[in-house]
Amino acid sequence: MIRSAFLTLYARQQATMTKKGLDDMISFHDITKQFADQSTAVENFNLTINKGEFFVLIGPSGCGKTTTLKMINRLIEPTSGRITIEDKNITEWNRQELRWNIGYVLQQIALFPTMTIAENIAVVPEMRKWKKAAVEERVDELLNMVGLDPDTYRNRRPSELSGGQQQRIGVIRALAGNPDIILMDEPFSALDPISREQLQKDIRQLQADIKKTIVFVTHDIDEAMAIGDRICLMKDGGIVQVGTREELVNEPADDFVKNFIGDRRDPWDTRVKEVMNPNSHLLASTQDISDYPLYPAPLYIFKDDRTYVGRQAEEGIVSNDPAIHPEDTLKHALKSFDNTELEALPVLTGSRIEGVLSYKDIVQFMKKSQLEQEGELV
């Protein structure tokens, strides 16, 4: 029963990720931005963002993340270096044409208050001289995409919408011209926590559907971890580390990264040595084995120097059971349990037994981890 419940718990907590081969979309080549007062916002910045990627720029105030974002659509021009989109220098585009192909979502939303929702969404398609029928079809398509009934919301004014609804309109307005790239500058930071969390889920689902390249600026590490395929942590105008959530959590580049993201380790990545029981009642020396009767639970035998002998069984000593290394993760240890019906396995370093790891040990550890996480949220 413990085994069945445990495997169900594990299955629910794990999600598999497949790394896809993606083409380069946006590349920064030795970018530096220095303002008129001689302050340097970004320095020697090199980065590639993949096509279809949800990429997050994050860092403390003044780190250069928003400046970096605004250089992509030339709202800010770099002092030196070049930025390319699909290997083409962005300076080769007319600014207007460039921005038509790059959606932009702001924290302030910036909907036009005297225009209807449909008119707000239609701004870029109309500037690009789409036919009226195509514009109307696109407006309705986008409203449906974010769960807003066109018949209900098409002719409303922004003031008649909630903050979350207004921000949804801001997002789909950026999508209206069908751009390849969407820039989002802290778009959800002014919303209440419930609306913010829902919009984070919505934008991830939207990204899965539309597969645009999204560059998202935030100061909130929880938000970055929730939505980003990759995260770029910046400080003092430069890159400290770029990686997936797992890479930043499990392989922080330095103490700044570690302190900025906090303790977010997946409990399944915990080492076996931190969970195993070195003094388990399932361990016995060769001298003491006569004191232990045969019983269903495994009993692991070792010599005085802790050299592993094997498991006591009715047919004698069994020495070919799956074994776990103390440096294995709990996630990896499960693969050993998959090959046996035993509720506990020996933890070995070479021929030396370090302890025993059981399903019960892991379940208790997971419960403790969950309680600690819930306590941090209170």
Protein backbone atom coordinates (compact mmCIF):
# COMPACT_ATOMS: atom_id res chain seq x y z
CA MET A 1 0.00 0.00 0.00
CA ILE A 2 2.83 2.38 0.89
CA ARG A 3 4.52 1.58 -2.41
CA SER A 4 1.36 2.21 -4.46
CA ALA A 5 0.57 5.47 -2.67
CA PHE A 6 4.16 6.61 -3.00
CA LEU A 7 4.34 6.01 -6.74
CA THR A 8 1.06 7.89 -7.19
CA LEU A 9 2.47 10.80 -5.18
CA TYR A 10 5.59 10.85 -7.30
CA ALA A 11 3.68 10.70 -10.57
CA ARG A 12 1.55 13.67 -9.58
CA GLN A 13 4.51 15.82 -8.57
CA GLN A 14 6.68 15.23 -11.61
CA ALA A 15 6.30 16.74 -15.06
CA THR A 16 8.49 15.69 -17.92
CA MET A 17 10.15 18.28 -20.12
CA THR A 18 11.39 17.65 -23.63
CA LYS A 19 14.08 19.91 -24.93
CA LYS A 20 13.23 21.07 -28.41
CA GLY A 21 15.71 22.24 -30.97
CA LEU A 22 14.95 25.90 -31.52
CA ASP A 23 16.34 28.43 -34.01
CA ASP A 24 17.89 31.70 -32.91
CA MET A 25 15.37 34.55 -32.91
CA ILE A 26 16.93 37.51 -31.07
CA SER A 27 20.67 37.91 -30.54
CA PHE A 28 22.61 40.57 -28.64
CA HIS A 29 26.19 41.03 -29.82
CA ASP A 30 28.50 42.96 -27.45
CA ILE A 31 25.75 45.42 -26.56
CA THR A 32 26.57 48.41 -24.36
CA LYS A 33 24.21 51.25 -23.47
CA GLN A 34 25.56 54.39 -21.89
CA PHE A 35 23.27 57.35 -21.20
CA ALA A 36 24.05 61.07 -21.54
CA ASP A 37 24.97 61.33 -17.85
CA GLN A 38 27.67 58.70 -18.51
CA SER A 39 25.84 56.05 -16.48
CA THR A 40 26.09 52.59 -18.01
CA ALA A 41 22.84 50.62 -18.05
CA VAL A 42 24.04 47.59 -20.03
CA GLU A 43 27.63 46.57 -20.72
CA ASN A 44 29.17 43.93 -23.00
CA PHE A 45 25.86 42.08 -23.18
CA ASN A 46 25.77 38.87 -25.24
CA LEU A 47 22.68 36.71 -25.38
CA THR A 48 20.59 34.61 -27.75
CA ILE A 49 16.84 34.06 -27.36
CA ASN A 50 15.34 31.13 -29.26
CA LYS A 51 12.36 31.20 -31.59
CA GLY A 52 9.17 30.32 -29.73
CA GLU A 53 10.83 30.69 -26.34
CA PHE A 54 9.29 32.31 -23.26
CA PHE A 55 12.36 34.18 -22.03
CA VAL A 56 12.46 36.15 -18.77
CA LEU A 57 14.78 39.03 -17.86
CA ILE A 58 15.00 39.56 -14.11
CA GLY A 59 17.19 41.31 -11.59
CA PRO A 60 17.24 44.02 -8.95
CA SER A 61 16.19 47.59 -9.70
CA GLY A 62 18.69 49.30 -12.00
CA CYS A 63 20.20 46.08 -13.35
CA GLY A 64 19.40 47.02 -16.98
CA LYS A 65 16.61 44.55 -17.72
CA THR A 66 14.08 47.11 -19.03
CA THR A 67 16.75 48.92 -21.03
CA THR A 68 17.68 45.58 -22.59
CA LEU A 69 14.04 44.94 -23.51
CA LYS A 70 13.54 48.38 -25.04
CA MET A 71 16.60 48.02 -27.25
CA ILE A 72 14.90 45.13 -29.05
CA ASN A 73 12.23 47.40 -30.60
CA ARG A 74 14.56 50.42 -30.72
CA LEU A 75 12.76 52.48 -28.12
CA ILE A 76 16.31 52.79 -26.81
CA GLU A 77 19.31 52.66 -29.12
CA PRO A 78 22.49 50.89 -27.96
CA THR A 79 25.70 52.88 -27.68
CA SER A 80 27.66 50.06 -29.28
CA GLY A 81 27.15 46.53 -30.51
CA ARG A 82 24.33 45.14 -32.60
CA ILE A 83 21.05 43.30 -32.13
CA THR A 84 19.79 40.86 -34.73
CA ILE A 85 16.41 39.25 -35.33
CA GLU A 86 16.78 36.02 -37.27
CA ASP A 87 20.33 37.12 -38.19
CA LYS A 88 19.19 40.48 -39.60
CA ASN A 89 20.45 43.65 -37.91
CA ILE A 90 17.44 45.53 -36.53
CA THR A 91 18.86 48.82 -37.85
CA GLU A 92 18.15 47.52 -41.37
CA TRP A 93 14.42 47.77 -40.66
CA ASN A 94 12.34 50.88 -40.77
CA ARG A 95 11.46 51.58 -37.11
CA GLN A 96 7.74 51.50 -37.81
CA GLU A 97 7.92 48.20 -39.67
CA LEU A 98 10.08 46.73 -36.91
CA ARG A 99 7.58 47.70 -34.22
CA TRP A 100 4.64 46.41 -36.23
CA ASN A 101 6.31 42.99 -36.03
CA ILE A 102 6.98 43.29 -32.28
CA GLY A 103 4.05 43.38 -29.86
CA TYR A 104 4.56 45.45 -26.70
CA VAL A 105 2.73 45.10 -23.38
CA LEU A 106 3.28 47.58 -20.55
CA GLN A 107 2.50 47.58 -16.84
CA GLN A 108 0.33 50.66 -17.41
CA ILE A 109 -1.65 48.78 -20.11
CA ALA A 110 -2.19 52.11 -21.93
CA LEU A 111 -5.58 51.34 -23.46
CA PHE A 112 -7.16 54.33 -25.17
CA PRO A 113 -10.01 55.32 -22.79
CA THR A 114 -12.30 56.88 -25.42
CA MET A 115 -12.08 53.90 -27.77
CA THR A 116 -14.03 50.66 -27.53
CA ILE A 117 -12.30 47.38 -26.76
CA ALA A 118 -12.57 46.36 -30.40
CA GLU A 119 -11.06 49.67 -31.53
CA ASN A 120 -8.19 49.29 -29.06
CA ILE A 121 -7.38 45.81 -30.34
CA ALA A 122 -7.64 46.89 -33.97
CA VAL A 123 -5.06 49.71 -33.80
CA VAL A 124 -2.13 47.89 -35.43
CA PRO A 125 -4.12 45.91 -38.02
CA GLU A 126 -5.77 49.15 -39.16
CA MET A 127 -2.40 50.92 -39.33
CA ARG A 128 -1.24 48.05 -41.52
CA LYS A 129 -4.32 48.62 -43.69
CA TRP A 130 -5.98 45.27 -43.15
CA LYS A 131 -9.42 44.87 -44.70
CA LYS A 132 -12.30 45.67 -42.36
CA ALA A 133 -13.63 42.10 -42.35
CA ALA A 134 -10.17 40.73 -41.50
CA VAL A 135 -9.82 43.21 -38.63
CA GLU A 136 -13.22 42.31 -37.18
CA GLU A 137 -12.47 38.60 -37.47
CA ARG A 138 -9.11 39.09 -35.73
CA VAL A 139 -10.69 41.08 -32.88
CA ASP A 140 -13.26 38.37 -32.20
CA GLU A 141 -10.65 35.62 -32.49
CA LEU A 142 -8.41 37.28 -29.89
CA LEU A 143 -11.25 38.01 -27.48
CA ASN A 144 -12.28 34.37 -27.62
CA MET A 145 -8.66 33.36 -27.10
CA VAL A 146 -8.60 34.99 -23.64
CA GLY A 147 -12.09 33.93 -22.63
CA LEU A 148 -13.89 37.24 -23.24
CA ASP A 149 -17.11 36.85 -25.23
CA PRO A 150 -16.93 39.19 -28.26
CA ASP A 151 -20.65 40.00 -28.16
CA THR A 152 -20.31 41.07 -24.53
CA TYR A 153 -17.00 42.95 -24.59
CA ARG A 154 -16.43 44.18 -28.14
CA ASN A 155 -18.19 47.53 -27.69
CA ARG A 156 -17.32 48.21 -24.06
CA ARG A 157 -14.92 50.93 -22.92
CA PRO A 158 -11.79 50.13 -20.88
CA SER A 159 -13.33 51.75 -17.78
CA GLU A 160 -16.04 49.08 -17.82
CA LEU A 161 -13.49 46.27 -17.38
CA SER A 162 -11.67 44.98 -14.31
CA GLY A 163 -7.92 45.37 -14.02
CA GLY A 164 -7.35 41.76 -15.03
CA GLN A 165 -9.65 42.10 -18.04
CA GLN A 166 -7.91 45.31 -19.12
CA GLN A 167 -4.56 43.55 -18.96
CA ARG A 168 -5.91 40.71 -21.10
CA ILE A 169 -6.90 43.30 -23.68
CA GLY A 170 -3.42 44.78 -23.47
CA VAL A 171 -1.93 41.37 -24.20
CA ILE A 172 -4.17 40.54 -27.16
CA ARG A 173 -3.76 44.05 -28.60
CA ALA A 174 -0.04 43.26 -28.77
CA LEU A 175 -0.94 40.08 -30.67
CA ALA A 176 -3.40 41.72 -33.05
CA GLY A 177 -0.97 42.32 -35.91
CA ASN A 178 0.29 38.71 -35.62
CA PRO A 179 3.86 39.70 -34.66
CA ASP A 180 6.66 37.17 -34.30
CA ILE A 181 7.91 38.71 -31.03
CA ILE A 182 6.08 39.97 -27.93
CA LEU A 183 7.83 42.22 -25.39
CA MET A 184 6.24 42.38 -21.94
CA ASP A 185 7.52 44.92 -19.40
CA GLU A 186 6.26 43.92 -15.92
CA PRO A 187 2.72 43.62 -17.30
CA PHE A 188 1.13 42.06 -14.21
CA SER A 189 2.92 43.85 -11.37
CA ALA A 190 0.06 46.28 -10.64
CA LEU A 191 -2.57 43.54 -10.32
CA ASP A 192 -3.85 41.87 -7.16
CA PRO A 193 -2.27 38.46 -6.37
CA ILE A 194 -5.24 36.38 -7.54
CA SER A 195 -5.56 38.17 -10.89
CA ARG A 196 -1.82 38.06 -11.32
CA GLU A 197 -1.56 34.32 -10.77
CA GLN A 198 -4.44 33.67 -13.16
CA LEU A 199 -2.89 35.84 -15.87
CA GLN A 200 0.43 34.03 -15.46
CA LYS A 201 -1.38 30.76 -16.16
CA ASP A 202 -3.27 32.33 -19.05
CA ILE A 203 -0.15 33.72 -20.71
CA ARG A 204 1.61 30.35 -20.45
CA GLN A 205 -1.39 28.64 -22.07
CA LEU A 206 -1.56 31.36 -24.70
CA GLN A 207 2.13 30.88 -25.45
CA ALA A 208 1.57 27.14 -25.88
CA ASP A 209 -1.14 27.92 -28.44
CA ILE A 210 0.46 30.76 -30.42
CA LYS A 211 4.14 29.79 -30.09
CA LYS A 212 5.44 33.35 -30.31
CA THR A 213 8.80 34.47 -28.96
CA ILE A 214 8.07 36.28 -25.69
CA VAL A 215 10.60 38.40 -23.79
CA PHE A 216 9.23 39.17 -20.34
CA VAL A 217 10.68 41.57 -17.75
CA THR A 218 9.88 41.12 -14.08
CA HIS A 219 11.40 41.82 -10.67
CA ASP A 220 9.48 38.90 -9.11
CA ILE A 221 11.43 35.64 -8.97
CA ASP A 222 8.26 33.64 -8.27
CA GLU A 223 6.75 34.97 -11.49
CA ALA A 224 9.93 34.24 -13.43
CA MET A 225 10.04 30.67 -12.15
CA ALA A 226 6.36 30.14 -12.95
CA ILE A 227 6.37 31.27 -16.57
CA GLY A 228 9.87 31.24 -18.07
CA ASP A 229 11.36 28.57 -20.31
CA ARG A 230 14.69 30.19 -19.52
CA ILE A 231 15.60 32.98 -17.13
CA CYS A 232 18.35 35.59 -17.44
CA LEU A 233 19.38 36.99 -14.06
CA MET A 234 21.06 40.39 -14.44
CA LYS A 235 23.10 42.62 -12.15
CA ASP A 236 24.87 45.93 -12.82
CA GLY A 237 24.10 45.82 -16.54
CA GLY A 238 25.44 42.33 -17.13
CA ILE A 239 24.39 38.71 -17.11
CA VAL A 240 25.04 36.72 -13.96
CA GLN A 241 23.41 33.48 -15.13
CA VAL A 242 21.10 32.23 -17.86
CA GLY A 243 19.30 28.93 -17.50
CA THR A 244 16.14 27.00 -16.87
CA ARG A 245 14.43 27.09 -13.50
CA GLU A 246 16.07 23.78 -12.62
CA GLU A 247 19.53 24.98 -13.63
CA LEU A 248 19.30 28.15 -11.55
CA VAL A 249 17.97 26.28 -8.52
CA ASN A 250 20.31 23.30 -8.64
CA GLU A 251 23.42 24.92 -10.17
CA PRO A 252 23.51 28.60 -9.07
CA ALA A 253 26.50 30.41 -10.57
CA ASP A 254 27.34 32.23 -7.34
CA ASP A 255 25.99 33.45 -4.00
CA PHE A 256 24.13 36.33 -5.68
CA VAL A 257 22.05 33.85 -7.70
CA LYS A 258 21.55 31.61 -4.69
CA ASN A 259 20.38 34.49 -2.49
CA PHE A 260 18.22 36.07 -5.21
CA ILE A 261 16.22 32.95 -5.99
CA GLY A 262 16.14 31.61 -2.42
CA ASP A 263 15.83 27.96 -1.44
CA ARG A 264 13.68 26.45 -4.19
CA ARG A 265 15.16 23.02 -4.55
CA ASP A 266 12.79 20.35 -5.72
CA PRO A 267 12.66 17.89 -2.80
CA TRP A 268 12.97 15.06 -5.34
CA ASP A 269 16.47 16.37 -6.13
CA THR A 270 17.56 15.83 -2.52
CA ARG A 271 20.50 13.44 -2.10
CA VAL A 272 19.81 9.99 -0.69
CA LYS A 273 22.38 10.54 2.07
CA GLU A 274 20.17 13.31 3.51
CA VAL A 275 17.15 11.02 3.81
CA MET A 276 18.51 7.52 4.45
CA ASN A 277 18.64 5.97 7.90
CA PRO A 278 22.24 5.03 8.84
CA ASN A 279 21.08 3.21 11.98
CA SER A 280 17.98 1.49 10.64
CA HIS A 281 16.51 -1.51 12.42
CA LEU A 282 16.86 -3.20 9.04
CA LEU A 283 20.65 -3.32 9.51
CA ALA A 284 22.51 -6.05 11.40
CA SER A 285 26.14 -7.11 11.71
CA THR A 286 27.22 -10.69 11.08
CA GLN A 287 27.77 -11.06 14.82
CA ASP A 288 24.22 -9.97 15.66
CA ILE A 289 22.34 -11.76 12.91
CA SER A 290 21.38 -14.67 15.15
CA ASP A 291 19.33 -12.26 17.25
CA TYR A 292 17.10 -11.43 14.27
CA PRO A 293 14.42 -13.93 13.24
CA LEU A 294 13.35 -14.18 9.62
CA TYR A 295 10.52 -11.77 8.86
CA PRO A 296 9.02 -10.12 5.76
CA ALA A 297 10.95 -6.85 6.06
CA PRO A 298 14.43 -6.99 4.50
CA LEU A 299 17.40 -7.33 6.84
CA TYR A 300 20.73 -6.16 5.47
CA ILE A 301 23.86 -7.80 6.83
CA PHE A 302 27.32 -6.24 7.12
CA LYS A 303 30.70 -7.15 8.59
CA ASP A 304 32.32 -5.28 11.48
CA ASP A 305 34.04 -2.88 9.05
CA ARG A 306 30.63 -2.13 7.42
CA THR A 307 31.44 -4.21 4.36
CA TYR A 308 28.12 -5.22 2.85
CA VAL A 309 27.31 -8.93 2.85
CA GLY A 310 23.74 -9.08 1.59
CA ARG A 311 20.09 -9.43 2.54
CA GLN A 312 18.88 -12.19 4.81
CA ALA A 313 16.25 -14.30 3.06
CA GLU A 314 14.66 -17.71 3.48
CA GLU A 315 16.92 -19.14 0.80
CA GLY A 316 20.01 -17.63 2.43
CA ILE A 317 21.96 -14.41 1.87
CA VAL A 318 20.95 -12.49 -1.28
CA SER A 319 23.67 -10.15 -2.53
CA ASN A 320 22.31 -9.01 -5.90
CA ASP A 321 19.50 -6.68 -4.76
CA PRO A 322 19.40 -3.22 -6.36
CA ALA A 323 21.54 -0.77 -4.39
CA ILE A 324 21.50 3.01 -4.10
CA HIS A 325 24.45 5.40 -3.86
CA PRO A 326 24.33 8.11 -1.15
CA GLU A 327 24.89 10.82 -3.79
CA ASP A 328 21.93 9.68 -5.90
CA THR A 329 18.85 11.90 -5.89
CA LEU A 330 15.56 10.59 -4.60
CA LYS A 331 14.28 10.87 -8.16
CA HIS A 332 17.07 8.58 -9.34
CA ALA A 333 16.60 6.20 -6.40
CA LEU A 334 13.06 5.45 -7.59
CA LYS A 335 14.46 3.67 -10.63
CA SER A 336 16.09 1.15 -8.30
CA PHE A 337 12.81 0.61 -6.46
CA ASP A 338 11.08 -0.01 -9.79
CA ASN A 339 13.04 -3.24 -10.18
CA THR A 340 12.07 -4.82 -6.86
CA GLU A 341 9.12 -5.41 -4.55
CA LEU A 342 11.23 -4.55 -1.49
CA GLU A 343 10.10 -1.63 0.67
CA ALA A 344 13.71 -0.67 1.50
CA LEU A 345 17.08 -0.86 -0.23
CA PRO A 346 20.71 -0.70 0.93
CA VAL A 347 22.71 2.49 0.41
CA LEU A 348 26.25 1.58 -0.64
CA THR A 349 29.51 3.38 -1.33
CA GLY A 350 31.41 0.69 -3.16
CA SER A 351 31.16 -2.35 -0.88
CA ARG A 352 30.51 -0.28 2.26
CA ILE A 353 26.95 0.00 3.52
CA GLU A 354 26.05 3.54 4.63
CA GLY A 355 22.46 2.91 5.62
CA VAL A 356 19.03 1.98 4.32
CA LEU A 357 16.50 3.98 2.31
CA SER A 358 12.85 2.98 2.55
CA TYR A 359 9.60 4.21 1.04
CA LYS A 360 8.59 5.27 4.53
CA ASP A 361 11.74 7.43 4.84
CA ILE A 362 10.94 9.18 1.57
CA VAL A 363 7.26 9.72 2.33
CA GLN A 364 8.10 11.22 5.73
CA PHE A 365 10.70 13.49 4.11
CA MET A 366 8.22 14.67 1.46
CA LYS A 367 5.59 15.42 4.09
CA LYS A 368 8.14 17.42 6.08
CA SER A 369 9.21 19.35 2.96
CA GLN A 370 5.60 20.17 2.12
CA LEU A 371 4.90 21.41 5.65
CA GLU A 372 8.02 23.60 5.55
CA GLN A 373 6.98 25.10 2.22
CA GLU A 374 3.47 25.77 3.48
CA GLY A 375 4.93 27.38 6.60
CA GLU A 376 7.01 29.75 4.46
CA LEU A 377 3.85 30.84 2.64
CA VAL A 378 1.96 31.72 5.84
